[in-house]
Amino acid sequence: MHSTVSAKLIDFLNTSYTAFHAVENVKNKLLSQGFTQLWEGEKWKLEKGGKYFVTKNDSSVIAFKVPKNEYVGFNIVASHSDSPTFKVKENAELEKAGFICLNTERYGGMIMSTWFDRPLSVAGRIIVKDEKGFTSKLVNVDRDWLIIPNLAIHMDRTVNDGKKYNAQTDMLPVMSDISGKGRFEEIIAKAAGVEKEDIVAKDLFLYVRQKAGFVGLDDEFICGPKLDDLQCAFTSLEGFAASGESDSVAVLAIFDNEEVGSGTKQGAASTLLYDTLTRINSALGYDGEKYICALTNSFMISADNAHSLHPNYAQIADPTNRPVINKGVAVKHSANQKYTTDAVSNAIFKEIAAKAGAQLQHFANHSDVIGGSTLGNISNTQVALNTVDIGLPQFAMHSCFETAGAKDTEDFAKICKVFYESTITKNENYYTVK
């Protein structure tokens, strides 16, 4: 029987068409919980015991809860809002052999073959101009209207022998026959409820129309788009919202653009986290030295999904550190620091998981494979604090439709709740978790 958290995750996946929509969903949840929205360009006035959030670029969000007493440190869970997809280019329509296709480009490192022969649509944000100036507006064309068709096997007998796809020539979605020429912007404007002439600029992406849901004999698996990393983003939000008081500032950080390196103003490599934490410290009336001391008593969980042992490809996994779906949250290790986990952060996270009654597993890459970087080591270049890299085990990472575990979803929500209620301190050579 699946948990309430997993059922709510599925609803979240099915309405988070893009990073912009995911952050809007997070924002609405926070507002319903009594959080106050802050604005980057205004002076922050914070109260002890207050709950706040700030967004960046409509696609990243940092929320925090201020303790009622003097704060000791920061307890941070970081995840990301973006997933591999295709971005619609400017001058989107492309006439090809009597059909109208959309001119797109890859965003992130997706498994391209998974995008074939599925109903697709377009969502994102548009910038419109009115008498007050420019403003951002979310848009979703809520219908099946695009498809990237495969080539018939009769015309490519070697397709099952391995295929290299060209994003410019093989992966363009078909919108219509020639009669649809010139109608793309009209469709976007209608979906957004604006006039076509009012649209000044666009950030639009393809998304898969197939809905997320449960599979497995006992509904033990969750299948859906964008599990990497909306599964971690949502479960950390659930734990954050449900958590009680702590002597540390509880921080929920969801960054955009992890899939393309995080090097943007709203990414983990930016000063967004640093700016937010220092502004919290300053708005509460403390000096810079207090902030530096607080980092010693701070901890970050860098939460980005992990690879499960795959029954058809078991030989690819590490011999001893090979997590399995629904057997526990995976702590990720890397000698070359692609993951930030070290002995200290591993020990602290084990203590938190034990308090939550949750199982843990461990992940390492096969020693002849170098894994990709994630949020922990990137954000640590701006904010230096003890950090553990973890993930929820899944199949088919970077497919347009992935598979993960219902139990792992529930376990991580429990871990996050306990973490946010904890106070982690360092005195001389000893760390304590209370």
Protein backbone atom coordinates (compact mmCIF):
# COMPACT_ATOMS: atom_id res chain seq x y z
CA MET A 1 0.00 0.00 0.00
CA HIS A 2 1.50 3.31 -1.02
CA SER A 3 1.92 6.20 1.45
CA THR A 4 0.17 9.54 1.42
CA VAL A 5 3.53 11.20 0.68
CA SER A 6 3.97 9.08 -2.46
CA ALA A 7 0.43 9.83 -3.65
CA LYS A 8 1.05 13.55 -3.15
CA LEU A 9 4.38 13.23 -5.01
CA ILE A 10 2.52 11.84 -8.03
CA ASP A 11 0.16 14.82 -8.00
CA PHE A 12 3.17 17.13 -7.78
CA LEU A 13 4.89 15.44 -10.73
CA ASN A 14 1.73 15.67 -12.83
CA THR A 15 1.48 19.43 -12.41
CA SER A 16 5.19 20.35 -12.49
CA TYR A 17 5.51 20.56 -16.27
CA THR A 18 8.70 22.67 -16.07
CA ALA A 19 11.01 24.06 -13.39
CA PHE A 20 8.86 27.19 -13.39
CA HIS A 21 5.72 25.18 -12.60
CA ALA A 22 7.53 23.12 -9.95
CA VAL A 23 8.60 26.27 -8.11
CA GLU A 24 5.10 27.71 -8.44
CA ASN A 25 3.74 24.55 -6.81
CA VAL A 26 6.29 24.84 -4.00
CA LYS A 27 5.43 28.51 -3.58
CA ASN A 28 1.71 27.75 -3.29
CA LYS A 29 2.40 25.07 -0.68
CA LEU A 30 4.50 27.50 1.37
CA LEU A 31 1.87 30.24 1.18
CA SER A 32 -0.78 27.78 2.37
CA GLN A 33 1.49 26.99 5.33
CA GLY A 34 1.68 30.65 6.38
CA PHE A 35 5.06 31.55 4.86
CA THR A 36 5.74 35.15 3.85
CA GLN A 37 7.26 35.85 0.45
CA LEU A 38 10.33 38.10 0.45
CA TRP A 39 11.66 40.05 -2.52
CA GLU A 40 15.31 40.26 -3.48
CA GLY A 41 15.16 43.98 -4.18
CA GLU A 42 13.62 44.97 -0.85
CA LYS A 43 15.07 45.19 2.64
CA TRP A 44 14.24 42.09 4.68
CA LYS A 45 12.56 42.48 8.05
CA LEU A 46 12.63 39.12 9.81
CA GLU A 47 11.13 38.09 13.11
CA LYS A 48 12.21 35.27 15.38
CA GLY A 49 9.81 32.38 14.83
CA GLY A 50 8.97 33.68 11.34
CA LYS A 51 8.61 31.64 8.13
CA TYR A 52 9.79 33.08 4.81
CA PHE A 53 10.78 32.29 1.23
CA VAL A 54 12.36 34.00 -1.74
CA THR A 55 12.42 32.98 -5.41
CA LYS A 56 14.94 33.60 -8.18
CA ASN A 57 14.13 33.64 -11.89
CA ASP A 58 10.76 31.97 -11.11
CA SER A 59 12.66 28.66 -11.19
CA SER A 60 14.61 28.50 -7.90
CA VAL A 61 13.30 28.94 -4.37
CA ILE A 62 14.82 29.13 -0.90
CA ALA A 63 12.50 28.89 2.12
CA PHE A 64 13.50 29.14 5.76
CA LYS A 65 12.14 29.06 9.30
CA VAL A 66 13.74 31.27 11.95
CA PRO A 67 14.08 29.86 15.49
CA LYS A 68 12.38 31.66 18.36
CA ASN A 69 15.72 31.98 20.15
CA GLU A 70 19.18 32.96 18.91
CA TYR A 71 20.03 30.68 16.02
CA VAL A 72 22.91 28.21 16.25
CA GLY A 73 23.42 27.24 12.60
CA PHE A 74 21.68 26.37 9.35
CA ASN A 75 20.10 23.01 8.49
CA ILE A 76 19.84 22.91 4.69
CA VAL A 77 18.38 20.40 2.24
CA ALA A 78 19.28 21.25 -1.36
CA SER A 79 17.70 19.73 -4.47
CA HIS A 80 16.98 20.91 -8.01
CA SER A 81 13.91 21.81 -10.04
CA ASP A 82 15.09 21.09 -13.58
CA SER A 83 15.25 17.87 -15.61
CA PRO A 84 16.64 16.99 -19.05
CA THR A 85 14.30 18.02 -21.86
CA PHE A 86 14.17 19.95 -25.13
CA LYS A 87 13.97 23.76 -25.21
CA VAL A 88 11.99 25.42 -27.98
CA LYS A 89 14.18 27.80 -29.98
CA GLU A 90 13.28 31.28 -31.12
CA ASN A 91 11.57 31.26 -34.54
CA ALA A 92 10.20 27.90 -33.48
CA GLU A 93 8.37 26.73 -36.59
CA LEU A 94 10.32 24.72 -39.13
CA GLU A 95 8.78 23.50 -42.39
CA LYS A 96 10.04 20.02 -43.32
CA ALA A 97 8.73 17.89 -46.19
CA GLY A 98 5.18 19.21 -45.97
CA PHE A 99 4.99 19.16 -42.15
CA ILE A 100 5.47 21.82 -39.50
CA CYS A 101 8.00 20.83 -36.86
CA LEU A 102 9.32 22.74 -33.86
CA ASN A 103 12.97 23.70 -33.84
CA THR A 104 14.32 22.55 -30.47
CA GLU A 105 17.64 21.96 -28.74
CA ARG A 106 18.71 19.63 -25.95
CA TYR A 107 18.66 20.81 -22.36
CA GLY A 108 20.79 18.52 -20.22
CA GLY A 109 21.91 14.96 -20.87
CA MET A 110 18.73 13.05 -21.63
CA ILE A 111 18.31 9.53 -23.03
CA MET A 112 17.05 10.75 -26.38
CA SER A 113 15.46 7.50 -27.56
CA THR A 114 12.91 7.62 -24.74
CA TRP A 115 11.32 10.72 -26.27
CA PHE A 116 10.15 8.94 -29.43
CA ASP A 117 6.50 8.12 -30.11
CA ARG A 118 5.03 9.77 -27.00
CA PRO A 119 2.37 12.49 -26.86
CA LEU A 120 4.14 15.73 -25.98
CA SER A 121 3.25 19.32 -25.27
CA VAL A 122 4.89 22.66 -24.48
CA ALA A 123 5.03 24.58 -21.20
CA GLY A 124 7.17 27.23 -19.56
CA ARG A 125 6.93 30.96 -19.09
CA ILE A 126 6.36 33.94 -21.31
CA ILE A 127 7.23 37.58 -20.77
CA VAL A 128 4.37 39.93 -21.61
CA LYS A 129 4.29 43.72 -21.76
CA ASP A 130 1.47 45.86 -20.44
CA GLU A 131 1.11 49.44 -19.23
CA LYS A 132 3.15 48.68 -16.08
CA GLY A 133 6.08 47.06 -17.91
CA PHE A 134 7.28 43.50 -18.41
CA THR A 135 5.97 40.60 -16.33
CA SER A 136 6.36 36.82 -16.28
CA LYS A 137 3.42 34.47 -16.86
CA LEU A 138 3.31 30.68 -16.71
CA VAL A 139 1.93 28.80 -19.69
CA ASN A 140 0.97 25.19 -20.36
CA VAL A 141 -0.66 23.93 -23.54
CA ASP A 142 -2.82 21.31 -21.86
CA ARG A 143 -3.33 18.89 -24.74
CA ASP A 144 -1.54 16.20 -26.75
CA TRP A 145 -0.33 18.04 -29.83
CA LEU A 146 3.28 17.12 -30.57
CA ILE A 147 5.13 13.88 -31.29
CA ILE A 148 8.67 12.86 -32.25
CA PRO A 149 8.03 9.89 -34.58
CA ASN A 150 10.50 7.07 -34.94
CA LEU A 151 11.71 5.88 -38.33
CA ALA A 152 10.18 2.54 -39.32
CA ILE A 153 12.45 -0.48 -38.92
CA HIS A 154 11.87 -1.26 -42.62
CA MET A 155 13.85 1.90 -43.43
CA ASP A 156 16.60 1.27 -40.87
CA ARG A 157 17.24 -2.44 -40.34
CA THR A 158 20.19 -1.64 -38.01
CA VAL A 159 18.17 0.39 -35.51
CA ASN A 160 18.32 -2.39 -32.88
CA ASP A 161 22.08 -2.69 -33.27
CA GLY A 162 22.67 0.68 -31.65
CA LYS A 163 21.79 4.13 -32.87
CA LYS A 164 23.34 7.59 -32.54
CA TYR A 165 20.72 10.31 -32.69
CA ASN A 166 21.24 13.83 -33.99
CA ALA A 167 19.29 16.37 -31.95
CA GLN A 168 18.88 18.75 -34.90
CA THR A 169 17.72 16.26 -37.51
CA ASP A 170 16.27 13.22 -35.70
CA MET A 171 14.56 14.70 -32.64
CA LEU A 172 12.33 17.52 -33.88
CA PRO A 173 8.68 17.20 -32.81
CA VAL A 174 5.98 17.28 -35.47
CA MET A 175 3.31 19.89 -34.74
CA SER A 176 1.01 19.61 -37.76
CA ASP A 177 0.76 19.25 -41.47
CA ILE A 178 1.38 22.34 -43.58
CA SER A 179 -2.00 23.82 -42.65
CA GLY A 180 -0.66 24.61 -39.17
CA LYS A 181 2.00 26.99 -40.46
CA GLY A 182 2.15 30.22 -38.46
CA ARG A 183 -0.01 29.04 -35.57
CA PHE A 184 2.53 28.17 -32.86
CA GLU A 185 2.57 31.57 -31.16
CA GLU A 186 -1.19 31.78 -31.48
CA ILE A 187 -1.53 28.51 -29.54
CA ILE A 188 0.90 29.71 -26.84
CA ALA A 189 -0.93 33.01 -26.45
CA LYS A 190 -4.31 31.31 -26.18
CA ALA A 191 -3.03 28.89 -23.51
CA ALA A 192 -1.61 31.83 -21.53
CA GLY A 193 -4.74 33.92 -21.90
CA VAL A 194 -2.98 36.84 -23.58
CA GLU A 195 -2.83 38.43 -27.00
CA LYS A 196 -0.12 37.16 -29.30
CA GLU A 197 1.15 40.72 -29.81
CA ASP A 198 1.74 41.11 -26.06
CA ILE A 199 4.29 38.27 -25.90
CA VAL A 200 7.80 39.74 -25.84
CA ALA A 201 9.93 36.67 -25.04
CA LYS A 202 9.59 32.99 -24.11
CA ASP A 203 11.27 30.16 -22.17
CA LEU A 204 9.39 27.11 -23.45
CA PHE A 205 10.16 23.40 -23.09
CA LEU A 206 8.74 20.08 -24.24
CA TYR A 207 7.21 17.79 -21.65
CA VAL A 208 5.80 14.27 -21.73
CA ARG A 209 2.02 14.08 -21.43
CA GLN A 210 1.97 10.60 -19.93
CA LYS A 211 0.95 10.86 -16.28
CA ALA A 212 2.99 9.63 -13.33
CA GLY A 213 1.55 6.77 -11.31
CA PHE A 214 2.18 3.60 -9.32
CA VAL A 215 3.34 0.31 -10.82
CA GLY A 216 4.45 -3.01 -9.34
CA LEU A 217 2.59 -5.92 -7.79
CA ASP A 218 1.87 -3.90 -4.63
CA ASP A 219 2.22 -0.38 -6.10
CA GLU A 220 5.74 -0.32 -4.73
CA PHE A 221 7.20 1.69 -7.63
CA ILE A 222 6.52 5.23 -8.82
CA CYS A 223 6.89 5.83 -12.55
CA GLY A 224 6.83 9.30 -14.02
CA PRO A 225 8.67 12.21 -15.58
CA LYS A 226 11.25 14.30 -13.74
CA LEU A 227 11.75 12.01 -10.73
CA ASP A 228 15.33 13.25 -10.94
CA ASP A 229 15.08 15.50 -9.02
CA LEU A 230 11.51 16.42 -8.18
CA GLN A 231 11.26 13.33 -5.98
CA CYS A 232 13.89 14.81 -3.67
CA ALA A 233 12.52 18.36 -4.01
CA PHE A 234 9.02 17.29 -3.03
CA THR A 235 9.96 14.96 -0.17
CA SER A 236 12.28 17.58 1.35
CA LEU A 237 9.41 20.09 1.09
CA GLU A 238 7.10 17.65 2.90
CA GLY A 239 9.62 17.12 5.70
CA PHE A 240 10.28 20.86 5.91
CA ALA A 241 6.57 21.75 6.13
CA ALA A 242 5.91 19.08 8.77
CA SER A 243 8.92 19.85 10.96
CA GLY A 244 8.73 21.41 14.40
CA GLU A 245 11.08 23.79 16.18
CA SER A 246 14.87 23.75 16.25
CA ASP A 247 17.65 26.06 17.42
CA SER A 248 18.94 26.13 13.83
CA VAL A 249 17.48 27.94 10.84
CA ALA A 250 15.68 25.33 8.73
CA VAL A 251 16.43 25.97 5.04
CA LEU A 252 14.81 24.39 1.97
CA ALA A 253 16.80 25.18 -1.19
CA ILE A 254 15.62 24.14 -4.65
CA PHE A 255 17.95 25.30 -7.43
CA ASP A 256 17.47 25.42 -11.18
CA ASN A 257 19.95 24.41 -13.90
CA GLU A 258 21.71 21.53 -12.13
CA GLU A 259 21.38 19.48 -15.32
CA VAL A 260 23.50 21.99 -17.24
CA GLY A 261 26.19 22.62 -14.62
CA SER A 262 24.51 25.04 -12.16
CA GLY A 263 26.49 28.01 -13.50
CA THR A 264 23.59 30.47 -13.66
CA LYS A 265 22.24 33.23 -11.42
CA GLN A 266 19.64 30.76 -10.12
CA GLY A 267 21.95 27.73 -9.94
CA ALA A 268 23.84 26.16 -7.05
CA ALA A 269 27.12 27.67 -8.29
CA SER A 270 25.71 31.19 -7.92
CA THR A 271 25.74 33.36 -4.80
CA LEU A 272 22.02 32.72 -4.23
CA LEU A 273 22.48 30.51 -1.15
CA TYR A 274 25.28 32.66 0.26
CA ASP A 275 23.28 35.85 -0.29
CA THR A 276 20.21 34.36 1.40
CA LEU A 277 22.06 33.05 4.46
CA THR A 278 24.02 36.26 5.01
CA ARG A 279 20.86 38.33 4.64
CA ILE A 280 19.13 36.15 7.24
CA ASN A 281 22.05 36.69 9.61
CA SER A 282 22.09 40.45 8.99
CA ALA A 283 18.31 40.91 9.18
CA LEU A 284 18.31 39.18 12.57
CA GLY A 285 20.82 41.74 13.84
CA TYR A 286 24.02 39.69 13.89
CA ASP A 287 27.47 40.55 12.54
CA GLY A 288 29.63 38.71 9.99
CA GLU A 289 31.55 36.74 12.60
CA LYS A 290 28.29 35.26 13.89
CA TYR A 291 27.62 33.97 10.37
CA ILE A 292 31.04 32.31 10.11
CA CYS A 293 30.60 30.68 13.53
CA ALA A 294 27.12 29.48 12.52
CA LEU A 295 28.53 27.66 9.48
CA THR A 296 30.55 25.47 11.84
CA ASN A 297 27.26 24.36 13.40
CA SER A 298 25.53 23.90 10.04
CA PHE A 299 24.85 20.93 7.82
CA MET A 300 23.63 20.40 4.28
CA ILE A 301 21.91 17.39 2.73
CA SER A 302 22.57 17.55 -1.00
CA ALA A 303 19.64 15.53 -2.32
CA ASP A 304 19.84 14.37 -5.94
CA ASN A 305 18.63 10.95 -7.01
CA ALA A 306 20.91 7.91 -7.14
CA HIS A 307 21.23 4.90 -9.44
CA SER A 308 19.57 1.69 -8.28
CA LEU A 309 21.04 -1.72 -9.00
CA HIS A 310 19.45 -2.68 -12.34
CA PRO A 311 18.39 -6.33 -12.70
CA ASN A 312 19.38 -6.39 -16.38
CA TYR A 313 22.72 -4.62 -15.92
CA ALA A 314 23.99 -5.72 -12.52
CA GLN A 315 27.56 -6.00 -13.83
CA ILE A 316 27.74 -2.20 -14.24
CA ALA A 317 27.21 -1.48 -10.54
CA ASP A 318 29.90 -1.28 -7.87
CA PRO A 319 30.48 -4.73 -6.29
CA THR A 320 29.54 -3.71 -2.73
CA ASN A 321 27.92 -0.25 -2.84
CA ARG A 322 24.88 -0.93 -5.01
CA PRO A 323 21.63 0.45 -3.59
CA VAL A 324 18.28 -1.08 -4.49
CA ILE A 325 14.94 0.68 -4.89
CA ASN A 326 12.88 0.67 -1.66
CA LYS A 327 15.76 -0.55 0.50
CA GLY A 328 16.66 2.87 1.84
CA VAL A 329 18.03 6.30 0.98
CA ALA A 330 21.46 6.04 -0.68
CA VAL A 331 24.47 7.91 0.71
CA LYS A 332 26.71 8.77 -2.24
CA HIS A 333 30.52 8.53 -2.04
CA SER A 334 33.27 9.66 -4.41
CA ALA A 335 37.02 9.71 -3.79
CA ASN A 336 37.45 12.55 -6.30
CA GLN A 337 34.78 14.60 -4.48
CA LYS A 338 32.14 14.51 -7.19
CA TYR A 339 30.06 13.82 -4.09
CA THR A 340 30.92 15.66 -0.87
CA THR A 341 30.24 12.88 1.63
CA ASP A 342 33.12 12.31 4.06
CA ALA A 343 33.42 10.46 7.35
CA VAL A 344 32.03 13.37 9.37
CA SER A 345 28.96 14.04 7.21
CA ASN A 346 28.34 10.30 6.79
CA ALA A 347 28.33 9.79 10.57
CA ILE A 348 26.01 12.74 11.21
CA PHE A 349 23.57 11.64 8.52
CA LYS A 350 23.54 8.08 9.88
CA GLU A 351 22.56 9.49 13.27
CA ILE A 352 19.71 11.52 11.76
CA ALA A 353 18.42 8.54 9.76
CA ALA A 354 18.52 6.33 12.86
CA LYS A 355 16.45 8.86 14.77
CA ALA A 356 13.95 8.84 11.89
CA GLY A 357 13.81 5.04 11.86
CA ALA A 358 14.88 4.98 8.21
CA GLN A 359 17.19 2.58 6.40
CA LEU A 360 20.31 3.76 4.58
CA GLN A 361 22.30 2.29 1.71
CA HIS A 362 25.54 3.40 0.09
CA PHE A 363 26.37 4.22 -3.51
CA ALA A 364 29.72 4.45 -5.29
CA ASN A 365 30.50 4.37 -8.97
CA HIS A 366 32.27 1.41 -10.52
CA SER A 367 35.92 2.35 -10.10
CA ASP A 368 36.51 2.74 -13.84
CA VAL A 369 33.64 5.24 -14.13
CA ILE A 370 33.75 8.88 -13.00
CA GLY A 371 30.33 10.14 -12.01
CA GLY A 372 28.92 13.58 -12.61
CA SER A 373 28.89 16.41 -10.09
CA THR A 374 25.79 17.43 -8.20
CA LEU A 375 24.66 20.22 -5.86
CA GLY A 376 26.89 19.55 -2.85
CA ASN A 377 30.37 20.19 -4.17
CA ILE A 378 29.14 23.07 -6.36
CA SER A 379 27.32 24.95 -3.60
CA ASN A 380 30.23 24.37 -1.19
CA THR A 381 32.34 26.74 -3.30
CA GLN A 382 30.06 29.53 -2.07
CA VAL A 383 29.05 28.27 1.38
CA ALA A 384 31.56 25.98 3.13
CA LEU A 385 29.85 23.60 5.55
CA ASN A 386 29.62 19.89 6.28
CA THR A 387 27.62 18.26 3.50
CA VAL A 388 26.39 14.76 2.70
CA ASP A 389 25.33 13.76 -0.81
CA ILE A 390 22.35 11.42 -0.91
CA GLY A 391 19.82 10.20 -3.45
CA LEU A 392 16.70 8.10 -3.77
CA PRO A 393 17.53 5.02 -5.88
CA GLN A 394 15.91 4.90 -9.30
CA PHE A 395 15.99 3.21 -12.70
CA ALA A 396 16.52 5.00 -16.03
CA MET A 397 17.88 8.28 -14.75
CA HIS A 398 17.49 10.96 -17.45
CA SER A 399 14.87 9.00 -19.33
CA CYS A 400 11.78 11.09 -20.02
CA PHE A 401 9.92 8.55 -17.82
CA GLU A 402 11.76 7.18 -14.79
CA THR A 403 11.10 4.64 -12.01
CA ALA A 404 11.74 4.94 -8.26
CA GLY A 405 10.40 3.65 -4.94
CA ALA A 406 7.36 4.59 -2.88
CA LYS A 407 8.96 3.48 0.40
CA ASP A 408 12.13 5.50 -0.26
CA THR A 409 9.93 8.56 -0.82
CA GLU A 410 8.33 8.10 2.58
CA ASP A 411 11.68 7.42 4.29
CA PHE A 412 13.32 10.57 3.00
CA ALA A 413 10.38 12.73 4.09
CA LYS A 414 10.81 11.28 7.60
CA ILE A 415 14.57 11.93 7.53
CA CYS A 416 14.03 15.54 6.46
CA LYS A 417 11.52 16.16 9.25
CA VAL A 418 13.93 14.84 11.89
CA PHE A 419 16.83 16.76 10.33
CA TYR A 420 14.97 20.06 10.37
CA GLU A 421 14.05 19.50 14.01
CA SER A 422 17.68 18.77 14.96
CA THR A 423 20.44 21.04 16.17
CA ILE A 424 23.94 20.05 15.03
CA THR A 425 26.89 21.59 16.85
CA LYS A 426 30.67 21.27 16.96
CA ASN A 427 32.55 21.88 20.18
CA GLU A 428 36.31 21.44 19.91
CA ASN A 429 36.64 18.01 18.25
CA TYR A 430 33.14 16.69 18.94
CA TYR A 431 29.95 16.88 16.88
CA THR A 432 26.56 16.48 18.52
CA VAL A 433 23.11 15.95 17.04
CA LYS A 434 20.23 16.90 19.33
